[in-house]
Amino acid sequence: MNESLLTLAGLVTVIAIAFSVYNSHKNKKVLDHIEKMLADAVKGKFHEEQFSEDRESKIESKLADYLQSSVLSAENVRKDRDKIKTLIADISHQTKTPITNLLLHSELLRETELSDDQRESLEVIGNEAEKLRFLIDALVKLSRLENGILTVEAKNDNVRRLIMEVDSSMRKKAEAKGLSFVVTEKDVVASFDYKWTLEALSNIVDNAIKYTEKGSISITLKPTEMFACISIKDTGIGIAEEDIPKIFARFGRLQSSREKEGVGIGLYLVREIISKEGGYIKVKSTPGEGSEFLVYLKR
């Protein structure tokens, strides 16, 4: 009797071990297969397979359906991005030539004898063509940035070099308007994309000059422990506190700025650039006294 029980117990143990080994092998096989499916999906590849009706295979089948739809979605996004890239390039190319021709012929006509009325009309044509060129350039840059066609690649660089280039390109414009242009710089290293950040700072300074009729524009570098803070301060018309969020909206323009040239893309683009670099922008302003834009670049 005891021998029979021992034999039965041994048999049950062997069966249990065998079942455990089988399950372990089966689970490993399922996990290996799932791992392969995930690896293929990450690479953008996926192959349809047949699955049996057991529970594990049903899970594999559902995961396969999900991964397949994800791969297809990623492929569709890539195709859409390529279409947008081509469209933007076409728009840029197709509009650049006629606008350039308009500006060129305007310049040639200025050298001919014209009546006062004709000269005034010619001036309007030239100014409007210039505004159109600026608008299209801004829209193309914004579209490329938003769709990932152009990327912001931040790397360590000297902020002083950046500020000196802004000084070089903007000083004459400010002084031609009778404004004092003061730049205080120092050697500070921060992480930013040189080309895009130059675009952002130049945009802010250009706005400061545009909306300041008298007084000064100052650019000051204020390093902190974690950020290099670039202060751009003017003595212009200022902005009401409740209106500050509006200036960063796409096509956002305040009523007080309607008489000035512009399309309301600049500061939206500025914020996008600085944000993609891991920085941020703050604005301090008092109507009638001026504004201060504080651009924080990560160190």
C-alpha atoms as a PDB file:
ATOM      1  CA  MET A   1       0.000   0.000   0.000  1.00  0.00           C
ATOM      2  CA  ASN A   2       2.734   2.413   1.030  1.00  0.00           C
ATOM      3  CA  GLU A   3       4.751   1.433  -2.042  1.00  0.00           C
ATOM      4  CA  SER A   4       1.742   2.183  -4.274  1.00  0.00           C
ATOM      5  CA  LEU A   5       1.280   5.593  -2.660  1.00  0.00           C
ATOM      6  CA  LEU A   6       4.958   6.385  -3.082  1.00  0.00           C
ATOM      7  CA  THR A   7       4.821   5.314  -6.717  1.00  0.00           C
ATOM      8  CA  LEU A   8       1.715   7.465  -7.289  1.00  0.00           C
ATOM      9  CA  ALA A   9       3.325  10.439  -5.539  1.00  0.00           C
ATOM     10  CA  GLY A  10       6.440  10.039  -7.655  1.00  0.00           C
ATOM     11  CA  LEU A  11       4.366   9.837 -10.812  1.00  0.00           C
ATOM     12  CA  VAL A  12       2.418  12.998  -9.881  1.00  0.00           C
ATOM     13  CA  THR A  13       5.706  14.784  -9.139  1.00  0.00           C
ATOM     14  CA  VAL A  14       7.169  13.771 -12.495  1.00  0.00           C
ATOM     15  CA  ILE A  15       3.986  14.887 -14.296  1.00  0.00           C
ATOM     16  CA  ALA A  16       4.016  18.214 -12.395  1.00  0.00           C
ATOM     17  CA  ILE A  17       7.674  18.808 -13.262  1.00  0.00           C
ATOM     18  CA  ALA A  18       7.054  17.895 -16.889  1.00  0.00           C
ATOM     19  CA  PHE A  19       4.009  20.193 -17.025  1.00  0.00           C
ATOM     20  CA  SER A  20       6.015  23.008 -15.411  1.00  0.00           C
ATOM     21  CA  VAL A  21       8.882  22.573 -17.894  1.00  0.00           C
ATOM     22  CA  TYR A  22       6.387  22.509 -20.784  1.00  0.00           C
ATOM     23  CA  ASN A  23       4.647  25.682 -19.553  1.00  0.00           C
ATOM     24  CA  SER A  24       7.963  27.408 -18.966  1.00  0.00           C
ATOM     25  CA  HIS A  25       9.133  26.531 -22.474  1.00  0.00           C
ATOM     26  CA  LYS A  26       5.799  27.610 -23.965  1.00  0.00           C
ATOM     27  CA  ASN A  27       5.800  30.918 -22.061  1.00  0.00           C
ATOM     28  CA  LYS A  28       9.387  31.587 -23.137  1.00  0.00           C
ATOM     29  CA  LYS A  29       8.418  30.894 -26.724  1.00  0.00           C
ATOM     30  CA  VAL A  30       5.456  33.297 -26.479  1.00  0.00           C
ATOM     31  CA  LEU A  31       7.578  35.998 -24.832  1.00  0.00           C
ATOM     32  CA  ASP A  32      10.330  35.568 -27.435  1.00  0.00           C
ATOM     33  CA  HIS A  33       7.741  35.908 -30.175  1.00  0.00           C
ATOM     34  CA  ILE A  34       6.220  39.021 -28.586  1.00  0.00           C
ATOM     35  CA  GLU A  35       9.702  40.500 -28.186  1.00  0.00           C
ATOM     36  CA  LYS A  36      10.388  39.885 -31.892  1.00  0.00           C
ATOM     37  CA  MET A  37       7.081  41.507 -32.886  1.00  0.00           C
ATOM     38  CA  LEU A  38       7.904  44.576 -30.787  1.00  0.00           C
ATOM     39  CA  ALA A  39      11.423  44.786 -32.236  1.00  0.00           C
ATOM     40  CA  ASP A  40      10.042  44.602 -35.794  1.00  0.00           C
ATOM     41  CA  ALA A  41       7.441  47.270 -34.997  1.00  0.00           C
ATOM     42  CA  VAL A  42      10.113  49.606 -33.632  1.00  0.00           C
ATOM     43  CA  LYS A  43      12.033  49.199 -36.918  1.00  0.00           C
ATOM     44  CA  GLY A  44       8.860  50.008 -38.861  1.00  0.00           C
ATOM     45  CA  LYS A  45       8.531  46.430 -40.159  1.00  0.00           C
ATOM     46  CA  PHE A  46       5.699  44.074 -39.484  1.00  0.00           C
ATOM     47  CA  HIS A  47       4.615  40.730 -41.008  1.00  0.00           C
ATOM     48  CA  GLU A  48       1.151  39.212 -40.763  1.00  0.00           C
ATOM     49  CA  GLU A  49       1.095  35.781 -39.114  1.00  0.00           C
ATOM     50  CA  GLN A  50      -1.380  33.016 -38.375  1.00  0.00           C
ATOM     51  CA  PHE A  51      -2.166  32.306 -34.716  1.00  0.00           C
ATOM     52  CA  SER A  52      -3.835  29.316 -33.048  1.00  0.00           C
ATOM     53  CA  GLU A  53      -6.920  29.619 -30.854  1.00  0.00           C
ATOM     54  CA  ASP A  54      -5.333  29.117 -27.418  1.00  0.00           C
ATOM     55  CA  ARG A  55      -5.274  31.970 -24.900  1.00  0.00           C
ATOM     56  CA  GLU A  56      -1.635  32.949 -25.433  1.00  0.00           C
ATOM     57  CA  SER A  57      -2.069  33.069 -29.189  1.00  0.00           C
ATOM     58  CA  LYS A  58      -5.159  35.251 -28.834  1.00  0.00           C
ATOM     59  CA  ILE A  59      -3.078  37.714 -26.804  1.00  0.00           C
ATOM     60  CA  GLU A  60      -0.342  37.557 -29.455  1.00  0.00           C
ATOM     61  CA  SER A  61      -2.942  38.114 -32.167  1.00  0.00           C
ATOM     62  CA  LYS A  62      -4.383  41.207 -30.441  1.00  0.00           C
ATOM     63  CA  LEU A  63      -0.901  42.596 -29.866  1.00  0.00           C
ATOM     64  CA  ALA A  64      -0.074  41.939 -33.518  1.00  0.00           C
ATOM     65  CA  ASP A  65      -3.191  43.841 -34.636  1.00  0.00           C
ATOM     66  CA  TYR A  66      -2.245  46.782 -32.427  1.00  0.00           C
ATOM     67  CA  LEU A  67       1.372  46.843 -33.608  1.00  0.00           C
ATOM     68  CA  GLN A  68       0.329  46.570 -37.233  1.00  0.00           C
ATOM     69  CA  SER A  69      -2.019  49.561 -36.909  1.00  0.00           C
ATOM     70  CA  SER A  70       0.735  51.507 -35.107  1.00  0.00           C
ATOM     71  CA  VAL A  71       3.249  50.776 -37.873  1.00  0.00           C
ATOM     72  CA  LEU A  72       0.698  51.802 -40.512  1.00  0.00           C
ATOM     73  CA  SER A  73      -0.065  55.016 -38.587  1.00  0.00           C
ATOM     74  CA  ALA A  74       3.640  55.851 -38.352  1.00  0.00           C
ATOM     75  CA  GLU A  75       4.029  55.181 -42.082  1.00  0.00           C
ATOM     76  CA  ASN A  76       1.037  57.422 -42.865  1.00  0.00           C
ATOM     77  CA  VAL A  77       2.491  60.194 -40.694  1.00  0.00           C
ATOM     78  CA  ARG A  78       5.801  59.894 -42.561  1.00  0.00           C
ATOM     79  CA  LYS A  79       4.035  60.054 -45.934  1.00  0.00           C
ATOM     80  CA  ASP A  80       1.967  63.072 -44.838  1.00  0.00           C
ATOM     81  CA  ARG A  81       5.125  64.803 -43.628  1.00  0.00           C
ATOM     82  CA  ASP A  82       6.799  64.166 -46.984  1.00  0.00           C
ATOM     83  CA  LYS A  83       3.758  65.615 -48.779  1.00  0.00           C
ATOM     84  CA  ILE A  84       3.835  68.710 -46.548  1.00  0.00           C
ATOM     85  CA  LYS A  85       7.575  69.068 -47.133  1.00  0.00           C
ATOM     86  CA  THR A  86       7.042  68.967 -50.905  1.00  0.00           C
ATOM     87  CA  LEU A  87       4.103  71.377 -50.701  1.00  0.00           C
ATOM     88  CA  ILE A  88       6.067  73.890 -48.616  1.00  0.00           C
ATOM     89  CA  ALA A  89       9.009  73.692 -51.020  1.00  0.00           C
ATOM     90  CA  ASP A  90       6.652  74.249 -53.971  1.00  0.00           C
ATOM     91  CA  ILE A  91       4.947  77.236 -52.322  1.00  0.00           C
ATOM     92  CA  SER A  92       8.300  78.759 -51.420  1.00  0.00           C
ATOM     93  CA  HIS A  93       9.660  78.281 -54.949  1.00  0.00           C
ATOM     94  CA  GLN A  94       6.510  79.315 -56.827  1.00  0.00           C
ATOM     95  CA  THR A  95       6.059  82.561 -54.851  1.00  0.00           C
ATOM     96  CA  LYS A  96       9.710  83.593 -54.577  1.00  0.00           C
ATOM     97  CA  THR A  97      10.213  84.307 -58.286  1.00  0.00           C
ATOM     98  CA  PRO A  98       7.174  86.581 -58.878  1.00  0.00           C
ATOM     99  CA  ILE A  99       7.798  88.533 -55.657  1.00  0.00           C
ATOM    100  CA  THR A 100      11.475  88.984 -56.547  1.00  0.00           C
ATOM    101  CA  ASN A 101      10.425  90.189 -60.013  1.00  0.00           C
ATOM    102  CA  LEU A 102       7.985  92.679 -58.476  1.00  0.00           C
ATOM    103  CA  LEU A 103      10.698  94.108 -56.236  1.00  0.00           C
ATOM    104  CA  LEU A 104      13.239  94.182 -59.064  1.00  0.00           C
ATOM    105  CA  HIS A 105      10.917  96.016 -61.453  1.00  0.00           C
ATOM    106  CA  SER A 106       9.947  98.435 -58.680  1.00  0.00           C
ATOM    107  CA  GLU A 107      13.623  99.302 -58.245  1.00  0.00           C
ATOM    108  CA  LEU A 108      14.091  99.734 -62.006  1.00  0.00           C
ATOM    109  CA  LEU A 109      11.042 101.993 -62.273  1.00  0.00           C
ATOM    110  CA  ARG A 110      12.363 104.182 -59.464  1.00  0.00           C
ATOM    111  CA  GLU A 111      15.244 105.144 -61.752  1.00  0.00           C
ATOM    112  CA  THR A 112      12.880 106.485 -64.434  1.00  0.00           C
ATOM    113  CA  GLU A 113      11.096 109.827 -64.553  1.00  0.00           C
ATOM    114  CA  LEU A 114       7.788 109.570 -62.740  1.00  0.00           C
ATOM    115  CA  SER A 115       5.136 111.959 -61.515  1.00  0.00           C
ATOM    116  CA  ASP A 116       4.633 112.318 -57.761  1.00  0.00           C
ATOM    117  CA  ASP A 117       1.484 110.179 -57.922  1.00  0.00           C
ATOM    118  CA  GLN A 118       3.252 107.468 -59.901  1.00  0.00           C
ATOM    119  CA  ARG A 119       6.196 107.465 -57.515  1.00  0.00           C
ATOM    120  CA  GLU A 120       3.827 107.187 -54.542  1.00  0.00           C
ATOM    121  CA  SER A 121       2.004 104.249 -56.158  1.00  0.00           C
ATOM    122  CA  LEU A 122       5.327 102.593 -56.929  1.00  0.00           C
ATOM    123  CA  GLU A 123       6.370 102.974 -53.288  1.00  0.00           C
ATOM    124  CA  VAL A 124       3.156 101.253 -52.183  1.00  0.00           C
ATOM    125  CA  ILE A 125       3.742  98.369 -54.635  1.00  0.00           C
ATOM    126  CA  GLY A 126       7.313  97.892 -53.392  1.00  0.00           C
ATOM    127  CA  ASN A 127       6.286  97.980 -49.717  1.00  0.00           C
ATOM    128  CA  GLU A 128       3.419  95.530 -50.220  1.00  0.00           C
ATOM    129  CA  ALA A 129       5.654  93.123 -52.159  1.00  0.00           C
ATOM    130  CA  GLU A 130       8.219  93.284 -49.337  1.00  0.00           C
ATOM    131  CA  LYS A 131       5.497  92.542 -46.764  1.00  0.00           C
ATOM    132  CA  LEU A 132       4.282  89.607 -48.844  1.00  0.00           C
ATOM    133  CA  ARG A 133       7.815  88.206 -49.057  1.00  0.00           C
ATOM    134  CA  PHE A 134       8.207  88.529 -45.273  1.00  0.00           C
ATOM    135  CA  LEU A 135       4.852  86.805 -44.664  1.00  0.00           C
ATOM    136  CA  ILE A 136       5.648  83.854 -46.941  1.00  0.00           C
ATOM    137  CA  ASP A 137       9.155  83.453 -45.479  1.00  0.00           C
ATOM    138  CA  ALA A 138       7.703  83.443 -41.944  1.00  0.00           C
ATOM    139  CA  LEU A 139       4.966  80.938 -42.840  1.00  0.00           C
ATOM    140  CA  VAL A 140       7.449  78.610 -44.551  1.00  0.00           C
ATOM    141  CA  LYS A 141       9.808  78.698 -41.540  1.00  0.00           C
ATOM    142  CA  LEU A 142       6.936  78.087 -39.129  1.00  0.00           C
ATOM    143  CA  SER A 143       5.511  75.195 -41.167  1.00  0.00           C
ATOM    144  CA  ARG A 144       8.912  73.537 -41.476  1.00  0.00           C
ATOM    145  CA  LEU A 145       9.536  73.866 -37.754  1.00  0.00           C
ATOM    146  CA  GLU A 146       6.085  72.622 -36.689  1.00  0.00           C
ATOM    147  CA  ASN A 147       6.150  69.628 -39.037  1.00  0.00           C
ATOM    148  CA  GLY A 148       9.616  68.522 -37.979  1.00  0.00           C
ATOM    149  CA  ILE A 149      11.101  69.223 -41.411  1.00  0.00           C
ATOM    150  CA  LEU A 150      13.552  71.570 -39.731  1.00  0.00           C
ATOM    151  CA  THR A 151      14.709  70.663 -36.251  1.00  0.00           C
ATOM    152  CA  VAL A 152      16.129  72.736 -33.436  1.00  0.00           C
ATOM    153  CA  GLU A 153      19.429  71.171 -32.359  1.00  0.00           C
ATOM    154  CA  ALA A 154      20.680  72.723 -29.137  1.00  0.00           C
ATOM    155  CA  LYS A 155      24.361  72.431 -28.279  1.00  0.00           C
ATOM    156  CA  ASN A 156      26.762  74.295 -25.998  1.00  0.00           C
ATOM    157  CA  ASP A 157      27.872  77.642 -27.421  1.00  0.00           C
ATOM    158  CA  ASN A 158      28.952  81.100 -26.253  1.00  0.00           C
ATOM    159  CA  VAL A 159      25.966  83.424 -25.779  1.00  0.00           C
ATOM    160  CA  ARG A 160      28.243  86.457 -26.140  1.00  0.00           C
ATOM    161  CA  ARG A 161      28.888  85.581 -29.803  1.00  0.00           C
ATOM    162  CA  LEU A 162      25.137  85.379 -30.380  1.00  0.00           C
ATOM    163  CA  ILE A 163      24.459  88.776 -28.792  1.00  0.00           C
ATOM    164  CA  MET A 164      27.279  90.444 -30.728  1.00  0.00           C
ATOM    165  CA  GLU A 165      25.782  89.225 -34.011  1.00  0.00           C
ATOM    166  CA  VAL A 166      22.373  90.634 -33.035  1.00  0.00           C
ATOM    167  CA  ASP A 167      24.140  93.910 -32.191  1.00  0.00           C
ATOM    168  CA  SER A 168      25.890  93.943 -35.569  1.00  0.00           C
ATOM    169  CA  SER A 169      22.680  93.360 -37.552  1.00  0.00           C
ATOM    170  CA  MET A 170      20.298  95.601 -35.554  1.00  0.00           C
ATOM    171  CA  ARG A 171      22.297  98.602 -34.300  1.00  0.00           C
ATOM    172  CA  LYS A 172      22.105 100.640 -37.528  1.00  0.00           C
ATOM    173  CA  LYS A 173      18.344 100.148 -37.765  1.00  0.00           C
ATOM    174  CA  ALA A 174      17.847 101.404 -34.190  1.00  0.00           C
ATOM    175  CA  GLU A 175      20.212 104.357 -34.572  1.00  0.00           C
ATOM    176  CA  ALA A 176      18.602 105.335 -37.900  1.00  0.00           C
ATOM    177  CA  LYS A 177      15.396 105.793 -35.902  1.00  0.00           C
ATOM    178  CA  GLY A 178      17.224 107.970 -33.351  1.00  0.00           C
ATOM    179  CA  LEU A 179      17.220 105.311 -30.636  1.00  0.00           C
ATOM    180  CA  SER A 180      20.071 104.594 -28.244  1.00  0.00           C
ATOM    181  CA  PHE A 181      21.252 100.986 -28.642  1.00  0.00           C
ATOM    182  CA  VAL A 182      23.084  99.605 -25.611  1.00  0.00           C
ATOM    183  CA  VAL A 183      24.567  96.098 -25.423  1.00  0.00           C
ATOM    184  CA  THR A 184      26.171  94.575 -22.328  1.00  0.00           C
ATOM    185  CA  GLU A 185      27.682  91.160 -22.943  1.00  0.00           C
ATOM    186  CA  LYS A 186      29.914  88.624 -21.201  1.00  0.00           C
ATOM    187  CA  ASP A 187      31.231  85.134 -21.875  1.00  0.00           C
ATOM    188  CA  VAL A 188      28.543  82.637 -20.853  1.00  0.00           C
ATOM    189  CA  VAL A 189      28.044  79.155 -22.304  1.00  0.00           C
ATOM    190  CA  ALA A 190      24.504  77.831 -22.768  1.00  0.00           C
ATOM    191  CA  SER A 191      22.734  75.145 -24.812  1.00  0.00           C
ATOM    192  CA  PHE A 192      20.985  76.489 -27.920  1.00  0.00           C
ATOM    193  CA  ASP A 193      20.708  76.205 -31.693  1.00  0.00           C
ATOM    194  CA  TYR A 194      22.764  79.155 -32.942  1.00  0.00           C
ATOM    195  CA  LYS A 195      20.883  79.826 -36.191  1.00  0.00           C
ATOM    196  CA  TRP A 196      17.368  79.498 -34.765  1.00  0.00           C
ATOM    197  CA  THR A 197      18.150  81.431 -31.572  1.00  0.00           C
ATOM    198  CA  LEU A 198      19.666  84.239 -33.647  1.00  0.00           C
ATOM    199  CA  GLU A 199      16.387  84.294 -35.582  1.00  0.00           C
ATOM    200  CA  ALA A 200      14.404  84.469 -32.318  1.00  0.00           C
ATOM    201  CA  LEU A 201      16.465  87.244 -30.698  1.00  0.00           C
ATOM    202  CA  SER A 202      16.572  89.284 -33.914  1.00  0.00           C
ATOM    203  CA  ASN A 203      12.786  89.060 -34.093  1.00  0.00           C
ATOM    204  CA  ILE A 204      12.366  90.371 -30.538  1.00  0.00           C
ATOM    205  CA  VAL A 205      14.851  93.226 -31.101  1.00  0.00           C
ATOM    206  CA  ASP A 206      13.203  94.106 -34.427  1.00  0.00           C
ATOM    207  CA  ASN A 207       9.839  94.370 -32.641  1.00  0.00           C
ATOM    208  CA  ALA A 208      11.404  96.528 -29.922  1.00  0.00           C
ATOM    209  CA  ILE A 209      12.730  98.947 -32.557  1.00  0.00           C
ATOM    210  CA  LYS A 210       9.412  98.932 -34.423  1.00  0.00           C
ATOM    211  CA  TYR A 211       7.325  99.831 -31.352  1.00  0.00           C
ATOM    212  CA  THR A 212       9.740 102.335 -29.785  1.00  0.00           C
ATOM    213  CA  GLU A 213       9.545 105.908 -31.082  1.00  0.00           C
ATOM    214  CA  LYS A 214      12.074 107.452 -28.704  1.00  0.00           C
ATOM    215  CA  GLY A 215      14.441 106.388 -25.967  1.00  0.00           C
ATOM    216  CA  SER A 216      16.536 103.239 -26.018  1.00  0.00           C
ATOM    217  CA  ILE A 217      16.870  99.530 -26.682  1.00  0.00           C
ATOM    218  CA  SER A 218      19.151  97.549 -24.378  1.00  0.00           C
ATOM    219  CA  ILE A 219      20.380  93.952 -24.551  1.00  0.00           C
ATOM    220  CA  THR A 220      21.860  92.553 -21.347  1.00  0.00           C
ATOM    221  CA  LEU A 221      23.091  89.072 -20.463  1.00  0.00           C
ATOM    222  CA  LYS A 222      22.152  87.982 -16.938  1.00  0.00           C
ATOM    223  CA  PRO A 223      23.543  84.504 -16.150  1.00  0.00           C
ATOM    224  CA  THR A 224      21.926  82.418 -13.396  1.00  0.00           C
ATOM    225  CA  GLU A 225      22.920  79.010 -12.041  1.00  0.00           C
ATOM    226  CA  MET A 226      20.718  77.068 -14.474  1.00  0.00           C
ATOM    227  CA  PHE A 227      20.042  79.537 -17.288  1.00  0.00           C
ATOM    228  CA  ALA A 228      21.628  82.277 -19.366  1.00  0.00           C
ATOM    229  CA  CYS A 229      19.020  85.042 -19.280  1.00  0.00           C
ATOM    230  CA  ILE A 230      19.067  87.525 -22.178  1.00  0.00           C
ATOM    231  CA  SER A 231      17.153  90.714 -21.374  1.00  0.00           C
ATOM    232  CA  ILE A 232      15.865  92.811 -24.291  1.00  0.00           C
ATOM    233  CA  LYS A 233      14.409  96.039 -22.932  1.00  0.00           C
ATOM    234  CA  ASP A 234      12.800  98.984 -24.718  1.00  0.00           C
ATOM    235  CA  THR A 235      11.092 102.283 -23.893  1.00  0.00           C
ATOM    236  CA  GLY A 236       8.258 101.708 -26.353  1.00  0.00           C
ATOM    237  CA  ILE A 237       4.473 101.628 -26.170  1.00  0.00           C
ATOM    238  CA  GLY A 238       4.346  98.736 -23.685  1.00  0.00           C
ATOM    239  CA  ILE A 239       1.779  95.961 -23.328  1.00  0.00           C
ATOM    240  CA  ALA A 240      -1.102  95.608 -20.872  1.00  0.00           C
ATOM    241  CA  GLU A 241      -0.649  92.615 -18.542  1.00  0.00           C
ATOM    242  CA  GLU A 242      -3.819  90.886 -19.764  1.00  0.00           C
ATOM    243  CA  ASP A 243      -2.612  91.188 -23.369  1.00  0.00           C
ATOM    244  CA  ILE A 244       0.794  89.544 -22.868  1.00  0.00           C
ATOM    245  CA  PRO A 245      -0.437  85.953 -23.622  1.00  0.00           C
ATOM    246  CA  LYS A 246      -2.027  87.210 -26.866  1.00  0.00           C
ATOM    247  CA  ILE A 247       1.268  88.350 -28.399  1.00  0.00           C
ATOM    248  CA  PHE A 248       2.526  84.738 -28.468  1.00  0.00           C
ATOM    249  CA  ALA A 249      -0.588  83.409 -30.227  1.00  0.00           C
ATOM    250  CA  ARG A 250      -0.332  82.464 -33.887  1.00  0.00           C
ATOM    251  CA  PHE A 251      -1.308  85.573 -35.903  1.00  0.00           C
ATOM    252  CA  GLY A 252      -1.829  87.344 -32.577  1.00  0.00           C
ATOM    253  CA  ARG A 253      -1.695  91.137 -32.874  1.00  0.00           C
ATOM    254  CA  LEU A 254      -2.867  93.728 -30.377  1.00  0.00           C
ATOM    255  CA  GLN A 255      -5.149  96.602 -31.324  1.00  0.00           C
ATOM    256  CA  SER A 256      -2.412  99.071 -30.357  1.00  0.00           C
ATOM    257  CA  SER A 257      -0.045  97.525 -32.917  1.00  0.00           C
ATOM    258  CA  ARG A 258      -2.397  97.398 -35.909  1.00  0.00           C
ATOM    259  CA  GLU A 259      -0.917 100.528 -37.493  1.00  0.00           C
ATOM    260  CA  LYS A 260       2.544  98.918 -37.588  1.00  0.00           C
ATOM    261  CA  GLU A 261       3.614  96.461 -40.259  1.00  0.00           C
ATOM    262  CA  GLY A 262       3.503  92.811 -39.270  1.00  0.00           C
ATOM    263  CA  VAL A 263       1.513  89.596 -39.518  1.00  0.00           C
ATOM    264  CA  GLY A 264       1.631  88.262 -35.958  1.00  0.00           C
ATOM    265  CA  ILE A 265       3.782  85.194 -36.598  1.00  0.00           C
ATOM    266  CA  GLY A 266       7.108  86.399 -35.203  1.00  0.00           C
ATOM    267  CA  LEU A 267       6.649  85.957 -31.455  1.00  0.00           C
ATOM    268  CA  TYR A 268       4.785  82.677 -31.900  1.00  0.00           C
ATOM    269  CA  LEU A 269       7.804  81.396 -33.835  1.00  0.00           C
ATOM    270  CA  VAL A 270      10.164  82.806 -31.173  1.00  0.00           C
ATOM    271  CA  ARG A 271       8.397  80.907 -28.392  1.00  0.00           C
ATOM    272  CA  GLU A 272       8.400  77.681 -30.435  1.00  0.00           C
ATOM    273  CA  ILE A 273      12.165  77.949 -30.997  1.00  0.00           C
ATOM    274  CA  ILE A 274      13.091  78.708 -27.379  1.00  0.00           C
ATOM    275  CA  SER A 275      10.717  76.037 -26.057  1.00  0.00           C
ATOM    276  CA  LYS A 276      12.224  73.358 -28.331  1.00  0.00           C
ATOM    277  CA  GLU A 277      15.655  74.245 -26.897  1.00  0.00           C
ATOM    278  CA  GLY A 278      14.407  73.613 -23.351  1.00  0.00           C
ATOM    279  CA  GLY A 279      14.235  77.313 -22.476  1.00  0.00           C
ATOM    280  CA  TYR A 280      11.394  79.756 -21.924  1.00  0.00           C
ATOM    281  CA  ILE A 281      10.400  83.439 -22.276  1.00  0.00           C
ATOM    282  CA  LYS A 282       9.004  85.912 -19.747  1.00  0.00           C
ATOM    283  CA  VAL A 283       7.657  89.386 -20.470  1.00  0.00           C
ATOM    284  CA  LYS A 284       7.485  92.379 -18.149  1.00  0.00           C
ATOM    285  CA  SER A 285       5.701  95.434 -19.495  1.00  0.00           C
ATOM    286  CA  THR A 286       3.993  98.681 -18.527  1.00  0.00           C
ATOM    287  CA  PRO A 287       1.813 100.506 -21.082  1.00  0.00           C
ATOM    288  CA  GLY A 288       3.407 103.805 -22.043  1.00  0.00           C
ATOM    289  CA  GLU A 289       6.754 102.938 -20.440  1.00  0.00           C
ATOM    290  CA  GLY A 290       8.113  99.959 -22.350  1.00  0.00           C
ATOM    291  CA  SER A 291       8.675  96.212 -22.273  1.00  0.00           C
ATOM    292  CA  GLU A 292      11.331  93.727 -21.235  1.00  0.00           C
ATOM    293  CA  PHE A 293      11.586  90.312 -22.877  1.00  0.00           C
ATOM    294  CA  LEU A 294      13.589  87.789 -20.840  1.00  0.00           C
ATOM    295  CA  VAL A 295      14.843  84.835 -22.878  1.00  0.00           C
ATOM    296  CA  TYR A 296      16.107  81.935 -20.727  1.00  0.00           C
ATOM    297  CA  LEU A 297      18.535  79.493 -22.379  1.00  0.00           C
ATOM    298  CA  LYS A 298      19.535  76.299 -20.525  1.00  0.00           C
ATOM    299  CA  ARG A 299      23.140  76.151 -19.333  1.00  0.00           C
END
